[in-house]
């Protein structure tokens, strides 16, 4: 689930991301896209999961009215691990994930 929050922590918009199976990067990797209608100007992007099959978030592009306003992360061999299973941090991604841990929630500053 993806939520956009204001400075007071109130939800301005919410959506669920889906896997784009037509855009393979590697045999085990996929690009994911989502669109969210947001009321107001968000200051925080929150991504959360309820699943135990890990997702590695390498780069996140944020657009407003079709214009890129923020890029989080870099196109490299590391990123944020999103999973309810903290043990996923010890798999193939060991040494490639932020803070060497998987989390159910990651928050990103959009300011």
C-alpha atoms as a PDB file:
ATOM      1  CA  UNK A   1       0.000   0.000   0.000  1.00  0.00           C
ATOM      2  CA  UNK A   2       1.208   3.480  -0.799  1.00  0.00           C
ATOM      3  CA  UNK A   3       0.107   6.501   1.226  1.00  0.00           C
ATOM      4  CA  UNK A   4       0.854  10.184   0.798  1.00  0.00           C
ATOM      5  CA  UNK A   5       0.826  12.134   4.071  1.00  0.00           C
ATOM      6  CA  UNK A   6       0.898  15.824   4.966  1.00  0.00           C
ATOM      7  CA  UNK A   7       3.150  17.367   7.638  1.00  0.00           C
ATOM      8  CA  UNK A   8       0.568  16.496  10.325  1.00  0.00           C
ATOM      9  CA  UNK A   9       0.596  12.806   9.320  1.00  0.00           C
ATOM     10  CA  UNK A  10      -2.875  12.944   7.758  1.00  0.00           C
ATOM     11  CA  UNK A  11      -3.477  10.782   4.681  1.00  0.00           C
ATOM     12  CA  UNK A  12      -3.941  12.823   1.498  1.00  0.00           C
ATOM     13  CA  UNK A  13      -4.125   9.884  -0.894  1.00  0.00           C
ATOM     14  CA  UNK A  14      -3.721   6.114  -0.930  1.00  0.00           C
ATOM     15  CA  UNK A  15      -3.239   3.385  -3.524  1.00  0.00           C
ATOM     16  CA  UNK A  16      -2.010  -0.151  -3.965  1.00  0.00           C
ATOM     17  CA  UNK A  17       0.871  -0.992  -6.273  1.00  0.00           C
ATOM     18  CA  UNK A  18       0.845  -3.814  -8.742  1.00  0.00           C
ATOM     19  CA  UNK A  19       3.544  -5.687 -10.558  1.00  0.00           C
ATOM     20  CA  UNK A  20       4.066  -4.807 -14.221  1.00  0.00           C
ATOM     21  CA  UNK A  21       4.825  -8.275 -15.592  1.00  0.00           C
ATOM     22  CA  UNK A  22       5.380  -6.892 -19.105  1.00  0.00           C
ATOM     23  CA  UNK A  23       8.509  -4.938 -18.105  1.00  0.00           C
ATOM     24  CA  UNK A  24      11.168  -7.414 -16.970  1.00  0.00           C
ATOM     25  CA  UNK A  25      14.523  -6.017 -15.892  1.00  0.00           C
ATOM     26  CA  UNK A  26      16.032  -9.373 -14.935  1.00  0.00           C
ATOM     27  CA  UNK A  27      14.360 -12.789 -14.774  1.00  0.00           C
ATOM     28  CA  UNK A  28      13.424 -12.146 -11.123  1.00  0.00           C
ATOM     29  CA  UNK A  29      12.891  -8.365 -11.213  1.00  0.00           C
ATOM     30  CA  UNK A  30      10.014  -6.225 -12.427  1.00  0.00           C
ATOM     31  CA  UNK A  31       9.152  -2.556 -12.694  1.00  0.00           C
ATOM     32  CA  UNK A  32       6.142  -1.585 -10.616  1.00  0.00           C
ATOM     33  CA  UNK A  33       3.915   1.388 -11.302  1.00  0.00           C
ATOM     34  CA  UNK A  34       1.051   3.026  -9.458  1.00  0.00           C
ATOM     35  CA  UNK A  35      -0.988   6.186  -9.684  1.00  0.00           C
ATOM     36  CA  UNK A  36      -2.586   7.987  -6.763  1.00  0.00           C
ATOM     37  CA  UNK A  37      -4.972  10.915  -6.678  1.00  0.00           C
ATOM     38  CA  UNK A  38      -3.854  13.150  -3.825  1.00  0.00           C
ATOM     39  CA  UNK A  39      -5.684  16.024  -2.105  1.00  0.00           C
ATOM     40  CA  UNK A  40      -3.105  18.698  -1.260  1.00  0.00           C
ATOM     41  CA  UNK A  41       0.688  18.675  -1.279  1.00  0.00           C
ATOM     42  CA  UNK A  42       2.168  15.617   0.473  1.00  0.00           C
ATOM     43  CA  UNK A  43       5.361  15.810   2.516  1.00  0.00           C
ATOM     44  CA  UNK A  44       5.800  12.069   3.131  1.00  0.00           C
ATOM     45  CA  UNK A  45       5.521   8.960   0.987  1.00  0.00           C
ATOM     46  CA  UNK A  46       4.826   5.790   2.976  1.00  0.00           C
ATOM     47  CA  UNK A  47       5.093   2.337   1.423  1.00  0.00           C
ATOM     48  CA  UNK A  48       3.951  -0.695   3.402  1.00  0.00           C
ATOM     49  CA  UNK A  49       3.325  -4.380   2.838  1.00  0.00           C
ATOM     50  CA  UNK A  50       1.424  -7.238   4.422  1.00  0.00           C
ATOM     51  CA  UNK A  51       3.299  -9.833   2.353  1.00  0.00           C
ATOM     52  CA  UNK A  52       6.239 -12.038   3.282  1.00  0.00           C
ATOM     53  CA  UNK A  53       7.648 -12.275  -0.264  1.00  0.00           C
ATOM     54  CA  UNK A  54      10.223  -9.475  -0.291  1.00  0.00           C
ATOM     55  CA  UNK A  55      10.332  -6.618  -2.768  1.00  0.00           C
ATOM     56  CA  UNK A  56      13.511  -4.606  -3.311  1.00  0.00           C
ATOM     57  CA  UNK A  57      12.820  -0.919  -3.948  1.00  0.00           C
ATOM     58  CA  UNK A  58      15.786   0.423  -5.908  1.00  0.00           C
ATOM     59  CA  UNK A  59      14.400   3.712  -7.224  1.00  0.00           C
ATOM     60  CA  UNK A  60      11.150   5.567  -6.644  1.00  0.00           C
ATOM     61  CA  UNK A  61      10.047   8.321  -9.006  1.00  0.00           C
ATOM     62  CA  UNK A  62       7.420  10.781  -7.760  1.00  0.00           C
ATOM     63  CA  UNK A  63       5.468  12.869 -10.266  1.00  0.00           C
ATOM     64  CA  UNK A  64       2.997  15.701  -9.759  1.00  0.00           C
ATOM     65  CA  UNK A  65       0.737  16.590 -12.693  1.00  0.00           C
ATOM     66  CA  UNK A  66       3.008  14.597 -15.010  1.00  0.00           C
ATOM     67  CA  UNK A  67       6.186  16.395 -13.878  1.00  0.00           C
ATOM     68  CA  UNK A  68       8.929  14.555 -11.996  1.00  0.00           C
ATOM     69  CA  UNK A  69       9.328  16.187  -8.570  1.00  0.00           C
ATOM     70  CA  UNK A  70      11.491  13.686  -6.662  1.00  0.00           C
ATOM     71  CA  UNK A  71      13.681  10.649  -7.274  1.00  0.00           C
ATOM     72  CA  UNK A  72      14.415   8.473  -4.253  1.00  0.00           C
ATOM     73  CA  UNK A  73      17.298   6.023  -4.429  1.00  0.00           C
ATOM     74  CA  UNK A  74      19.685   5.357  -7.282  1.00  0.00           C
ATOM     75  CA  UNK A  75      19.975   2.893 -10.133  1.00  0.00           C
ATOM     76  CA  UNK A  76      22.502   0.637  -8.434  1.00  0.00           C
ATOM     77  CA  UNK A  77      22.723  -2.721  -6.719  1.00  0.00           C
ATOM     78  CA  UNK A  78      21.109  -1.674  -3.434  1.00  0.00           C
ATOM     79  CA  UNK A  79      17.748  -0.488  -2.147  1.00  0.00           C
ATOM     80  CA  UNK A  80      15.046  -0.830   0.494  1.00  0.00           C
ATOM     81  CA  UNK A  81      13.696  -4.297   1.351  1.00  0.00           C
ATOM     82  CA  UNK A  82       9.923  -4.398   1.860  1.00  0.00           C
ATOM     83  CA  UNK A  83       8.677  -7.565   3.600  1.00  0.00           C
ATOM     84  CA  UNK A  84       7.020  -8.839   6.767  1.00  0.00           C
ATOM     85  CA  UNK A  85       9.715 -11.544   6.927  1.00  0.00           C
ATOM     86  CA  UNK A  86      12.805  -9.933   8.449  1.00  0.00           C
ATOM     87  CA  UNK A  87      14.745 -13.061   7.455  1.00  0.00           C
ATOM     88  CA  UNK A  88      14.493 -11.951   3.822  1.00  0.00           C
ATOM     89  CA  UNK A  89      17.382  -9.587   4.600  1.00  0.00           C
ATOM     90  CA  UNK A  90      19.677 -12.617   4.929  1.00  0.00           C
ATOM     91  CA  UNK A  91      18.989 -14.032   1.470  1.00  0.00           C
ATOM     92  CA  UNK A  92      20.470 -13.144  -1.902  1.00  0.00           C
ATOM     93  CA  UNK A  93      20.115  -9.423  -1.144  1.00  0.00           C
ATOM     94  CA  UNK A  94      22.437  -9.556   1.886  1.00  0.00           C
ATOM     95  CA  UNK A  95      24.776  -6.579   1.674  1.00  0.00           C
ATOM     96  CA  UNK A  96      22.559  -4.842  -0.893  1.00  0.00           C
ATOM     97  CA  UNK A  97      19.702  -3.545   1.253  1.00  0.00           C
ATOM     98  CA  UNK A  98      19.414  -0.320   3.221  1.00  0.00           C
ATOM     99  CA  UNK A  99      20.292  -0.761   6.912  1.00  0.00           C
ATOM    100  CA  UNK A 100      20.710  -4.516   6.234  1.00  0.00           C
ATOM    101  CA  UNK A 101      17.061  -5.082   7.159  1.00  0.00           C
ATOM    102  CA  UNK A 102      13.639  -5.683   5.679  1.00  0.00           C
ATOM    103  CA  UNK A 103      10.784  -3.591   7.002  1.00  0.00           C
ATOM    104  CA  UNK A 104       7.010  -3.663   6.633  1.00  0.00           C
ATOM    105  CA  UNK A 105       6.958   0.156   6.325  1.00  0.00           C
ATOM    106  CA  UNK A 106       9.331   2.662   4.726  1.00  0.00           C
ATOM    107  CA  UNK A 107       8.720   6.414   4.871  1.00  0.00           C
ATOM    108  CA  UNK A 108      10.325   8.920   2.507  1.00  0.00           C
ATOM    109  CA  UNK A 109      10.524  12.714   2.825  1.00  0.00           C
ATOM    110  CA  UNK A 110       9.099  14.439  -0.259  1.00  0.00           C
ATOM    111  CA  UNK A 111      10.177  17.972   0.693  1.00  0.00           C
END
